[in-house]
Amino acid sequence: MKRCFLISVLAFALSTASTSVRAQDAPKWVPMYDGVDIASYEVADPLLKVHAARVDLTVPGIEFKTTPPNENFEPETRETTRQTTAGFLKEAGLSVAVNANFYNPFNARTISTPGDANLIGLGVCDGFVESQPAANYPSFVVKKNGDVDVRVYDKEDDLSDIQQAVSGNKIVLLDGEVLKQTDKAVHPRTAVGLSKDKKYVYFMTIDGRQPGFSVGATYEQVAIELKNLGANVGLNLDGGGSTTFVLRDSENEPVVINRPCNSTKDRLRFNANGIGVKANGAPKEAPEGFKF
């Protein structure tokens, strides 16, 4: 593994935290690929490092992808094959990718090795339903006509119009309002959001469990940062050591621009699935971070 700490071209913009959305602290978006802008910034209190992608759905060439089904697919037994988010980005030829669903089995062995995995909640890849909806696991979906949505699906719902889907455990932002949460736990977080007009999709990570660098976020803080990015609705995805944000460099190699907290030391966590975007064009800036 090559590790290099570089001065980020995506300069951190310091902002002041509060319990309300910091509308005056809108992030600086840096064009990265055709239709994909990147923002990286720091929140001072609590100390947070935030990375985000803004995907413009009106730009030609934008295409969403999720992890494909296990080659020996069997529902609830072998739905996908665990891989790192960096490996997913490279294999699928994506420009940006983040981790997605919660999954099982989840233990010290499965997070550090490839292998069979089962998604928790709806998972769809290229129209193929890998995992059925689960109670209390809302989904981000890309429909076959290109429309996007965040909503709750039931097992009885017609899924035939869905092209790609991933699921999380909580809708944290709804109609522009930060939803109150009883769970105040602080962790690394991954999330996806939509603008009110559904022109933009936002992918966001917040690093955590790293005192002096980034402590992690509550669900409400996830919603605050999504709204700060421009989202009107937001869904929390799997987090913790799974939280990973990856970009494609000029040589089509994955660059991890966040600093994952995981138990695999010099390796990224192997997750059950990810979601990402294909976009045209070479990087307009050099994404800097870690190469694994």
Foldseek 3Di string as FASTA:
>chain_A
DDFDDDQFPQHADEDEDDLAFPLVCFFDWDAWFFQKTKHWYFYVVVTKTKIKIKGFLVTPPKDKFKAQADPPADAPWALGKWDAQQVVCLVVVFFKKKAFFDWDPDDPVQFQDIDGIHGAAWWAGQQRTSYAGDPQKWKWFQFPVGAIDIGHDDNPDDSRRTGGMGTARDWQAAQNDGDDDPDFDFAWWWKWFAAPVRRIIMTMTIHDPDPPHGHGGGSSVVSSVCVSNHGRIMHTGDGHQRTWMWGAAQVRGIFTQDDGDDDNVPDRTTHRMMMGIHGDDHTPDGRDGGGD
